[in-house]
């Protein structure tokens, strides 16, 4: 029987138990307990394999299975008592199972905490990627609904935060739908990379016991499209690799970056200076001093949380960069960053969808802003190109026309034909036709442009994807 105070899972080598300070410093159960459902799932798959290869009897397996099911119910109900002295989620659950059945002493046969946690987190990543893809889809649907409603509402497009060329609200919002679509693909890639079973790798070199890694992989769902098991090919890589953590945190950071850029656009649009957008009361807050304020805190927080997620990625990269093979205790610190990024991105996506569903576009203000003739200065240059003028010369001519209009305190189309033709005789009597917004959009019906048919086609494409 183990001496009092010793660590019951690995204490046989030691004369004394760990110091209380070391227990507090070294524990991970305070955060890795969220892996409990995956740990129990992995243990059941491992037990099924031990039964198949003759290490467990049917009766022993039945006892273990019953005990694991009871533990799963306790964890789900929040009644399981976590113990810091047992360090982590794995040892807490194993010791709790031992209290239910003596057969639990056989469960860790051919298994290390190294390949055990590697399996747990791969199951977690598959689940987390699925949940985040659902969150991305909801945000995309909210963007798409607003884009469809205002597919033809003109608005200035910006470069350098200066008015550039006219686009539509639909075209602008579809840009973010495209970004989130790529994020959705990235999480699918991360899930695919996670779908490889490391169980059976042991600490680094497997086991001399007759383990059936393929059986475990199938039991836990680590299979390809044909149902064939997918196994890690190198045990040292299986327990030391943290690529998945970095890929997941990177995908979270990039998705958050997209949400942050969307947030910045919407914050600007919501300001009195722009006035393009009205956010719902339910996703804004007031001021403790100024009673008139309605602050876009939901999107400001998304900007802030993006920095937090980028920090999580940096945390992982710095932790991993100098580690030798294989497992090192530093890697205990790999979980808080990915758990936090998962939690924060999930709520950012939900808030984005909720706020957009209640947002209103101020069409009148958008149209007024898009009516600025200077937005179509490039169209006038294109007009001259169609008359045979080289683009660089046309660019110079239009720049001179803009300068002349500013000199006379006129809008560009208000210049007289005499003034215009004094700059360029190639300007015909029809040169002002380029300042018609309908003409501008109708001439932009090529892929990627904001022409009405192009915008409608892209909305239909994404509706087909999201509703399938």
Protein backbone atom coordinates (compact mmCIF):
# COMPACT_ATOMS: atom_id res chain seq x y z
CA UNK A 1 0.00 0.00 0.00
CA UNK A 2 1.34 3.47 -0.89
CA UNK A 3 2.73 5.58 1.96
CA UNK A 4 0.67 8.50 3.12
CA UNK A 5 1.45 11.70 1.24
CA UNK A 6 2.95 10.00 -1.80
CA UNK A 7 1.59 10.52 -5.27
CA UNK A 8 -0.42 7.33 -5.74
CA UNK A 9 0.02 7.13 -9.51
CA UNK A 10 3.78 7.50 -9.81
CA UNK A 11 5.01 7.63 -6.19
CA UNK A 12 6.68 4.21 -6.04
CA UNK A 13 10.06 5.70 -6.97
CA UNK A 14 9.93 8.41 -4.28
CA UNK A 15 10.50 8.37 -0.50
CA UNK A 16 8.55 11.55 0.14
CA UNK A 17 5.42 13.04 -1.34
CA UNK A 18 5.48 16.33 -3.25
CA UNK A 19 5.62 19.61 -1.38
CA UNK A 20 2.33 21.48 -1.17
CA UNK A 21 3.82 24.36 -3.11
CA UNK A 22 4.91 21.97 -5.86
CA UNK A 23 1.41 20.50 -5.97
CA UNK A 24 -0.09 23.93 -6.48
CA UNK A 25 2.59 24.88 -8.99
CA UNK A 26 2.44 21.69 -11.01
CA UNK A 27 -1.28 20.93 -11.12
CA UNK A 28 -3.21 21.25 -14.36
CA UNK A 29 -6.58 19.86 -13.31
CA UNK A 30 -7.87 23.40 -12.75
CA UNK A 31 -7.93 23.84 -16.54
CA UNK A 32 -7.53 20.43 -18.17
CA UNK A 33 -10.63 19.07 -16.43
CA UNK A 34 -12.57 20.29 -19.47
CA UNK A 35 -10.95 17.38 -21.32
CA UNK A 36 -12.81 14.94 -19.06
CA UNK A 37 -15.45 13.86 -21.63
CA UNK A 38 -12.73 13.15 -24.18
CA UNK A 39 -10.55 11.38 -21.61
CA UNK A 40 -13.42 9.10 -20.65
CA UNK A 41 -14.18 8.45 -24.31
CA UNK A 42 -10.54 7.57 -24.95
CA UNK A 43 -10.41 5.29 -21.92
CA UNK A 44 -13.46 3.37 -23.09
CA UNK A 45 -11.92 2.86 -26.52
CA UNK A 46 -8.64 1.75 -24.95
CA UNK A 47 -10.50 -0.67 -22.67
CA UNK A 48 -12.35 -2.16 -25.65
CA UNK A 49 -9.00 -2.81 -27.31
CA UNK A 50 -7.54 -4.39 -24.14
CA UNK A 51 -10.56 -6.70 -24.08
CA UNK A 52 -10.06 -7.64 -27.73
CA UNK A 53 -6.39 -8.56 -27.22
CA UNK A 54 -7.08 -10.56 -24.05
CA UNK A 55 -5.63 -8.24 -21.40
CA UNK A 56 -9.06 -7.56 -19.91
CA UNK A 57 -11.72 -10.18 -19.25
CA UNK A 58 -15.28 -9.48 -20.29
CA UNK A 59 -16.25 -9.00 -16.66
CA UNK A 60 -13.42 -6.55 -16.08
CA UNK A 61 -14.38 -4.61 -19.20
CA UNK A 62 -18.01 -4.50 -18.09
CA UNK A 63 -16.98 -3.07 -14.71
CA UNK A 64 -14.73 -0.47 -16.34
CA UNK A 65 -17.40 0.49 -18.86
CA UNK A 66 -20.00 0.90 -16.11
CA UNK A 67 -17.60 2.96 -14.01
CA UNK A 68 -16.67 5.23 -16.94
CA UNK A 69 -20.34 5.82 -17.72
CA UNK A 70 -21.00 6.77 -14.09
CA UNK A 71 -18.05 9.16 -14.13
CA UNK A 72 -19.30 10.73 -17.35
CA UNK A 73 -22.65 11.41 -15.70
CA UNK A 74 -20.94 12.93 -12.64
CA UNK A 75 -18.75 15.17 -14.80
CA UNK A 76 -21.73 16.30 -16.86
CA UNK A 77 -23.78 17.03 -13.73
CA UNK A 78 -20.90 18.95 -12.13
CA UNK A 79 -20.82 16.70 -9.08
CA UNK A 80 -17.40 15.15 -9.70
CA UNK A 81 -14.90 16.17 -7.01
CA UNK A 82 -11.59 17.24 -8.56
CA UNK A 83 -8.48 16.80 -6.40
CA UNK A 84 -5.42 19.00 -6.88
CA UNK A 85 -3.12 16.37 -5.35
CA UNK A 86 -3.88 14.09 -8.30
CA UNK A 87 -2.42 16.71 -10.63
CA UNK A 88 -4.46 16.37 -13.79
CA UNK A 89 -7.69 15.21 -15.38
CA UNK A 90 -6.28 11.78 -16.23
CA UNK A 91 -5.21 10.82 -12.72
CA UNK A 92 -8.36 12.24 -11.14
CA UNK A 93 -10.57 10.10 -13.35
CA UNK A 94 -8.38 7.01 -13.01
CA UNK A 95 -8.38 7.19 -9.22
CA UNK A 96 -12.14 7.77 -9.18
CA UNK A 97 -12.55 4.69 -11.36
CA UNK A 98 -10.38 2.67 -8.98
CA UNK A 99 -12.84 3.47 -6.22
CA UNK A 100 -15.57 1.91 -8.33
CA UNK A 101 -13.74 -1.21 -9.51
CA UNK A 102 -10.44 -2.96 -8.99
CA UNK A 103 -10.34 -3.64 -12.72
CA UNK A 104 -9.33 0.01 -13.14
CA UNK A 105 -5.75 -0.97 -12.25
CA UNK A 106 -5.51 -2.66 -15.64
CA UNK A 107 -6.84 0.30 -17.67
CA UNK A 108 -3.50 2.09 -18.00
CA UNK A 109 -1.89 -1.01 -19.49
CA UNK A 110 0.11 -0.08 -22.61
CA UNK A 111 -0.77 3.59 -22.21
CA UNK A 112 1.05 6.71 -21.00
CA UNK A 113 -0.34 10.05 -20.04
CA UNK A 114 1.66 11.27 -23.04
CA UNK A 115 -0.37 9.45 -25.67
CA UNK A 116 -3.47 9.71 -23.51
CA UNK A 117 -3.49 13.52 -23.51
CA UNK A 118 -2.48 13.59 -27.18
CA UNK A 119 -5.62 11.56 -27.89
CA UNK A 120 -7.80 13.70 -25.64
CA UNK A 121 -6.81 16.95 -27.30
CA UNK A 122 -7.27 15.54 -30.80
CA UNK A 123 -10.81 14.58 -29.86
CA UNK A 124 -11.25 18.08 -28.39
CA UNK A 125 -9.93 19.77 -31.54
CA UNK A 126 -12.28 17.79 -33.77
CA UNK A 127 -15.22 18.84 -31.61
CA UNK A 128 -14.02 22.45 -31.23
CA UNK A 129 -13.51 22.88 -34.97
CA UNK A 130 -17.03 21.58 -35.59
CA UNK A 131 -18.50 24.04 -33.10
CA UNK A 132 -16.55 26.99 -34.50
CA UNK A 133 -17.55 26.12 -38.05
CA UNK A 134 -21.18 26.32 -36.91
CA UNK A 135 -20.48 29.71 -35.35
CA UNK A 136 -18.83 30.93 -38.54
CA UNK A 137 -21.82 29.77 -40.56
CA UNK A 138 -24.19 31.77 -38.34
CA UNK A 139 -22.07 34.90 -38.73
CA UNK A 140 -21.93 34.34 -42.50
CA UNK A 141 -25.71 33.94 -42.68
CA UNK A 142 -26.21 37.22 -40.80
CA UNK A 143 -23.80 39.01 -43.15
CA UNK A 144 -25.45 37.43 -46.15
CA UNK A 145 -28.95 38.46 -45.08
CA UNK A 146 -27.86 42.09 -44.71
CA UNK A 147 -25.94 41.93 -47.99
CA UNK A 148 -28.98 40.56 -49.81
CA UNK A 149 -31.28 43.22 -48.37
CA UNK A 150 -28.90 45.96 -49.49
CA UNK A 151 -27.33 44.32 -52.52
CA UNK A 152 -27.82 47.42 -54.65
CA UNK A 153 -27.50 50.14 -52.01
CA UNK A 154 -24.55 52.28 -53.18
CA UNK A 155 -21.83 53.24 -50.75
CA UNK A 156 -18.34 54.68 -51.10
CA UNK A 157 -15.55 52.14 -51.14
CA UNK A 158 -12.42 53.30 -49.33
CA UNK A 159 -8.67 53.06 -49.65
CA UNK A 160 -6.47 54.75 -47.03
CA UNK A 161 -9.82 55.54 -45.35
CA UNK A 162 -10.45 58.01 -48.17
CA UNK A 163 -13.37 57.72 -50.58
CA UNK A 164 -12.17 55.79 -53.61
CA UNK A 165 -14.81 54.23 -55.90
CA UNK A 166 -18.48 53.36 -55.52
CA UNK A 167 -19.45 49.87 -54.42
CA UNK A 168 -22.61 48.55 -52.80
CA UNK A 169 -23.33 47.53 -49.23
CA UNK A 170 -23.86 44.03 -50.59
CA UNK A 171 -20.46 43.95 -52.28
CA UNK A 172 -18.74 45.31 -49.18
CA UNK A 173 -20.32 42.78 -46.80
CA UNK A 174 -19.69 39.92 -49.20
CA UNK A 175 -15.97 40.61 -48.81
CA UNK A 176 -16.29 39.46 -45.19
CA UNK A 177 -18.39 36.46 -46.21
CA UNK A 178 -15.47 35.41 -48.43
CA UNK A 179 -13.04 35.84 -45.54
CA UNK A 180 -15.16 33.80 -43.15
CA UNK A 181 -15.58 31.16 -45.84
CA UNK A 182 -11.81 30.71 -45.88
CA UNK A 183 -11.84 30.53 -42.06
CA UNK A 184 -14.42 27.76 -42.29
CA UNK A 185 -12.09 25.84 -44.61
CA UNK A 186 -9.16 26.38 -42.26
CA UNK A 187 -11.00 24.81 -39.34
CA UNK A 188 -11.93 21.90 -41.59
CA UNK A 189 -8.22 21.46 -42.31
CA UNK A 190 -7.35 21.59 -38.61
CA UNK A 191 -10.04 18.98 -37.89
CA UNK A 192 -8.63 16.77 -40.63
CA UNK A 193 -5.13 17.06 -39.16
CA UNK A 194 -6.56 16.20 -35.73
CA UNK A 195 -8.22 13.09 -37.13
CA UNK A 196 -5.20 10.82 -36.55
CA UNK A 197 -4.97 8.53 -33.52
CA UNK A 198 -1.85 8.68 -31.32
CA UNK A 199 -3.06 6.15 -28.74
CA UNK A 200 -0.65 3.23 -28.51
CA UNK A 201 2.43 5.43 -28.84
CA UNK A 202 2.95 5.21 -25.08
CA UNK A 203 5.49 7.60 -23.65
CA UNK A 204 7.60 7.57 -26.84
CA UNK A 205 8.18 4.00 -27.98
CA UNK A 206 4.90 2.14 -27.72
CA UNK A 207 4.66 -1.13 -25.83
CA UNK A 208 5.76 -4.77 -26.02
CA UNK A 209 2.16 -5.81 -25.36
CA UNK A 210 -0.05 -6.97 -28.26
CA UNK A 211 -1.89 -3.66 -28.65
CA UNK A 212 -4.25 -3.15 -31.59
CA UNK A 213 -3.91 0.50 -32.50
CA UNK A 214 -6.23 0.21 -35.49
CA UNK A 215 -9.05 -1.10 -33.31
CA UNK A 216 -8.75 1.88 -30.94
CA UNK A 217 -8.63 4.33 -33.82
CA UNK A 218 -11.85 2.94 -35.27
CA UNK A 219 -13.54 2.90 -31.86
CA UNK A 220 -12.71 6.58 -31.34
CA UNK A 221 -13.61 7.72 -34.84
CA UNK A 222 -10.10 8.35 -36.14
CA UNK A 223 -10.93 7.07 -39.61
CA UNK A 224 -10.80 8.30 -43.20
CA UNK A 225 -13.75 8.63 -45.56
CA UNK A 226 -13.58 4.91 -46.27
CA UNK A 227 -13.70 4.01 -42.59
CA UNK A 228 -10.04 2.99 -42.50
CA UNK A 229 -8.10 3.83 -39.33
CA UNK A 230 -5.69 6.78 -39.36
CA UNK A 231 -2.69 6.26 -37.07
CA UNK A 232 0.24 8.47 -36.16
CA UNK A 233 3.32 6.85 -37.83
CA UNK A 234 5.96 7.91 -35.28
CA UNK A 235 5.51 7.61 -31.52
CA UNK A 236 7.96 10.34 -30.63
CA UNK A 237 6.29 12.81 -32.97
CA UNK A 238 2.86 11.70 -31.73
CA UNK A 239 3.54 12.79 -28.13
CA UNK A 240 5.85 15.75 -28.81
CA UNK A 241 4.05 17.38 -31.73
CA UNK A 242 2.04 20.50 -30.98
CA UNK A 243 1.37 21.55 -34.56
CA UNK A 244 -2.34 21.14 -33.99
CA UNK A 245 -2.30 23.60 -31.12
CA UNK A 246 -0.51 26.18 -33.25
CA UNK A 247 -2.75 25.54 -36.27
CA UNK A 248 -5.88 25.84 -34.18
CA UNK A 249 -4.72 29.00 -32.39
CA UNK A 250 -3.62 30.42 -35.74
CA UNK A 251 -7.00 29.69 -37.34
CA UNK A 252 -8.70 31.33 -34.35
CA UNK A 253 -6.44 34.37 -34.63
CA UNK A 254 -7.01 34.80 -38.35
CA UNK A 255 -10.78 34.44 -38.00
CA UNK A 256 -10.68 36.96 -35.16
CA UNK A 257 -8.67 39.33 -37.37
CA UNK A 258 -11.44 39.19 -39.94
CA UNK A 259 -14.07 39.87 -37.29
CA UNK A 260 -11.95 42.73 -35.97
CA UNK A 261 -11.71 44.37 -39.39
CA UNK A 262 -15.46 43.95 -39.84
CA UNK A 263 -15.93 45.43 -36.38
CA UNK A 264 -13.85 48.47 -37.30
CA UNK A 265 -15.88 49.07 -40.47
CA UNK A 266 -19.15 48.78 -38.57
CA UNK A 267 -17.91 51.06 -35.77
CA UNK A 268 -17.09 53.70 -38.39
CA UNK A 269 -20.38 53.19 -40.22
CA UNK A 270 -22.22 53.53 -36.90
CA UNK A 271 -20.59 56.88 -36.09
CA UNK A 272 -22.42 60.17 -36.64
CA UNK A 273 -19.72 61.17 -39.12
CA UNK A 274 -20.60 58.24 -41.40
CA UNK A 275 -24.18 57.45 -40.38
CA UNK A 276 -24.44 54.39 -42.63
CA UNK A 277 -25.48 51.93 -39.91
CA UNK A 278 -27.70 51.78 -36.83
CA UNK A 279 -26.83 49.06 -34.32
CA UNK A 280 -29.54 47.43 -32.18
CA UNK A 281 -29.95 48.61 -28.60
CA UNK A 282 -29.49 45.04 -27.41
CA UNK A 283 -25.85 44.96 -28.51
CA UNK A 284 -24.84 48.47 -27.48
CA UNK A 285 -24.26 50.17 -24.14
CA UNK A 286 -24.64 53.64 -22.67
CA UNK A 287 -22.42 56.05 -20.80
CA UNK A 288 -22.42 56.48 -17.03
CA UNK A 289 -22.06 60.25 -17.56
CA UNK A 290 -23.44 61.19 -20.99
CA UNK A 291 -27.08 60.19 -21.37
CA UNK A 292 -27.14 60.56 -25.15
CA UNK A 293 -24.45 57.96 -25.82
CA UNK A 294 -25.04 54.64 -27.58
CA UNK A 295 -21.70 52.89 -27.76
CA UNK A 296 -20.80 50.01 -30.13
CA UNK A 297 -19.18 48.03 -27.31
CA UNK A 298 -19.92 44.66 -28.91
CA UNK A 299 -17.59 45.38 -31.82
CA UNK A 300 -15.05 47.23 -29.70
CA UNK A 301 -14.74 44.13 -27.51
CA UNK A 302 -14.26 41.96 -30.60
CA UNK A 303 -11.33 44.18 -31.57
CA UNK A 304 -9.92 43.83 -28.07
CA UNK A 305 -10.38 40.08 -27.85
CA UNK A 306 -8.58 39.67 -31.17
CA UNK A 307 -5.39 40.89 -29.49
CA UNK A 308 -5.98 38.33 -26.76
CA UNK A 309 -6.22 35.51 -29.29
CA UNK A 310 -3.09 36.66 -31.12
CA UNK A 311 -1.38 36.63 -27.72
CA UNK A 312 -2.48 33.03 -27.20
CA UNK A 313 -0.86 32.05 -30.49
CA UNK A 314 2.37 33.82 -29.54
CA UNK A 315 2.27 32.10 -26.15
CA UNK A 316 2.22 28.69 -27.84
CA UNK A 317 4.96 29.49 -30.33
CA UNK A 318 7.32 30.73 -27.64
CA UNK A 319 6.58 27.75 -25.38
CA UNK A 320 7.34 25.21 -28.11
CA UNK A 321 10.23 26.83 -29.96
CA UNK A 322 13.17 25.45 -27.93
CA UNK A 323 11.89 22.10 -26.67
CA UNK A 324 13.80 18.88 -27.40
CA UNK A 325 11.93 15.67 -28.16
CA UNK A 326 9.74 14.39 -26.71
CA UNK A 327 7.41 15.39 -23.89
CA UNK A 328 8.52 18.17 -21.55
CA UNK A 329 6.44 19.59 -18.72
CA UNK A 330 6.46 22.96 -20.44
CA UNK A 331 3.80 21.45 -22.70
CA UNK A 332 1.35 21.49 -19.83
CA UNK A 333 1.01 25.18 -20.71
CA UNK A 334 -0.33 24.35 -24.19
CA UNK A 335 -3.95 23.98 -23.14
CA UNK A 336 -4.98 27.32 -21.56
CA UNK A 337 -4.20 29.28 -24.76
CA UNK A 338 -6.24 27.03 -27.04
CA UNK A 339 -9.11 26.71 -24.59
CA UNK A 340 -9.24 30.49 -24.26
CA UNK A 341 -9.06 31.09 -28.01
CA UNK A 342 -11.86 28.57 -28.54
CA UNK A 343 -14.05 30.26 -25.93
CA UNK A 344 -13.35 33.81 -27.07
CA UNK A 345 -13.77 33.16 -30.79
CA UNK A 346 -16.99 31.28 -30.16
CA UNK A 347 -18.59 34.18 -28.33
CA UNK A 348 -17.20 36.75 -30.82
CA UNK A 349 -18.88 34.87 -33.66
CA UNK A 350 -22.16 34.66 -31.77
CA UNK A 351 -22.08 38.38 -30.92
CA UNK A 352 -21.27 39.27 -34.53
CA UNK A 353 -24.27 37.28 -35.78
CA UNK A 354 -26.58 38.71 -33.11
CA UNK A 355 -25.60 42.32 -33.68
CA UNK A 356 -25.85 42.05 -37.46
CA UNK A 357 -29.29 40.46 -37.30
CA UNK A 358 -30.60 43.60 -35.59
CA UNK A 359 -28.56 46.15 -37.56
CA UNK A 360 -30.18 48.62 -39.96
CA UNK A 361 -28.60 50.31 -42.97
CA UNK A 362 -29.39 54.01 -43.50
CA UNK A 363 -29.95 53.87 -47.26
CA UNK A 364 -30.46 57.59 -47.71
CA UNK A 365 -27.15 58.46 -46.09
CA UNK A 366 -25.36 55.73 -48.05
CA UNK A 367 -26.74 57.00 -51.38
CA UNK A 368 -25.86 60.59 -50.54
CA UNK A 369 -22.28 59.63 -49.75
CA UNK A 370 -21.99 57.49 -52.90
CA UNK A 371 -23.22 60.38 -55.07
CA UNK A 372 -19.86 62.16 -54.72
CA UNK A 373 -18.74 62.58 -58.38
CA UNK A 374 -15.09 62.16 -57.46
CA UNK A 375 -15.80 58.49 -56.77
CA UNK A 376 -16.15 58.09 -60.55
CA UNK A 377 -12.99 59.95 -61.53
CA UNK A 378 -11.42 56.65 -62.58
CA UNK A 379 -14.43 55.96 -64.80
CA UNK A 380 -13.70 59.23 -66.58
CA UNK A 381 -10.13 58.07 -67.13
CA UNK A 382 -11.51 54.82 -68.56
CA UNK A 383 -13.75 56.89 -70.85
CA UNK A 384 -10.63 58.60 -72.27
CA UNK A 385 -8.91 55.23 -72.67
CA UNK A 386 -11.86 54.12 -74.79
CA UNK A 387 -11.21 57.22 -76.94
CA UNK A 388 -7.71 55.89 -77.58
CA UNK A 389 -5.75 57.79 -74.93
CA UNK A 390 -3.03 55.88 -72.98
CA UNK A 391 -4.13 55.31 -69.37
CA UNK A 392 -1.21 57.20 -67.82
CA UNK A 393 -2.08 60.25 -69.91
CA UNK A 394 -5.77 59.84 -69.11
CA UNK A 395 -4.94 59.63 -65.41
CA UNK A 396 -3.02 62.92 -65.70
CA UNK A 397 -5.84 64.60 -67.62
CA UNK A 398 -8.49 63.66 -65.04
CA UNK A 399 -6.20 64.82 -62.23
CA UNK A 400 -5.92 68.19 -63.99
CA UNK A 401 -9.71 68.34 -64.34
CA UNK A 402 -10.12 67.67 -60.62
CA UNK A 403 -7.66 70.43 -59.83
CA UNK A 404 -9.50 72.85 -62.17
CA UNK A 405 -12.87 72.00 -60.53
CA UNK A 406 -11.42 72.58 -57.06
CA UNK A 407 -9.98 75.88 -58.25
CA UNK A 408 -13.43 76.99 -59.40
CA UNK A 409 -15.13 75.47 -56.31
CA UNK A 410 -17.25 73.23 -58.54
CA UNK A 411 -17.99 69.52 -58.56
CA UNK A 412 -16.26 67.70 -61.41
CA UNK A 413 -19.32 67.35 -63.71
CA UNK A 414 -20.16 71.01 -63.16
CA UNK A 415 -17.14 72.05 -65.22
CA UNK A 416 -18.15 73.61 -68.51
CA UNK A 417 -17.33 71.83 -71.76
CA UNK A 418 -15.02 74.72 -72.55
CA UNK A 419 -13.02 74.23 -69.33
CA UNK A 420 -12.99 70.46 -69.74
CA UNK A 421 -11.92 70.50 -73.39
CA UNK A 422 -9.23 73.05 -72.67
CA UNK A 423 -7.60 70.32 -70.58
CA UNK A 424 -8.36 67.54 -73.07
CA UNK A 425 -9.96 68.03 -76.50
CA UNK A 426 -10.79 64.31 -76.52
CA UNK A 427 -13.59 64.90 -74.03
CA UNK A 428 -16.77 64.71 -76.08
CA UNK A 429 -20.17 66.14 -75.26
CA UNK A 430 -21.08 62.89 -73.48
CA UNK A 431 -18.25 62.89 -70.91
CA UNK A 432 -20.59 63.64 -67.99
CA UNK A 433 -22.46 60.35 -68.55
CA UNK A 434 -19.75 58.54 -66.61
CA UNK A 435 -21.03 60.14 -63.38
CA UNK A 436 -24.22 58.06 -63.41
CA UNK A 437 -24.02 55.40 -60.68
CA UNK A 438 -26.28 52.99 -62.54
CA UNK A 439 -23.96 53.16 -65.54
CA UNK A 440 -20.94 52.67 -63.29
CA UNK A 441 -22.33 49.49 -61.75
CA UNK A 442 -23.73 48.10 -65.03
CA UNK A 443 -20.26 48.32 -66.54
CA UNK A 444 -18.82 46.28 -63.68
CA UNK A 445 -20.31 42.91 -64.48
CA UNK A 446 -17.12 40.85 -64.49
CA UNK A 447 -16.09 38.38 -61.75
CA UNK A 448 -15.19 40.07 -58.50
CA UNK A 449 -16.80 43.40 -59.42
CA UNK A 450 -19.79 45.11 -57.76
CA UNK A 451 -22.15 44.84 -60.73
CA UNK A 452 -25.72 43.89 -59.75
CA UNK A 453 -25.57 40.48 -61.44
CA UNK A 454 -22.18 39.70 -59.91
CA UNK A 455 -23.36 40.57 -56.41
CA UNK A 456 -26.60 38.60 -56.88
CA UNK A 457 -24.66 35.63 -58.20
CA UNK A 458 -22.30 35.58 -55.26
CA UNK A 459 -25.17 35.87 -52.79
CA UNK A 460 -26.86 32.90 -54.49
CA UNK A 461 -23.59 30.93 -54.35
CA UNK A 462 -23.17 31.42 -50.62
CA UNK A 463 -26.84 30.76 -49.92
CA UNK A 464 -26.43 27.42 -51.65
CA UNK A 465 -23.37 26.62 -49.55
CA UNK A 466 -24.82 27.70 -46.21
CA UNK A 467 -28.26 26.15 -46.71
CA UNK A 468 -27.03 22.80 -48.00
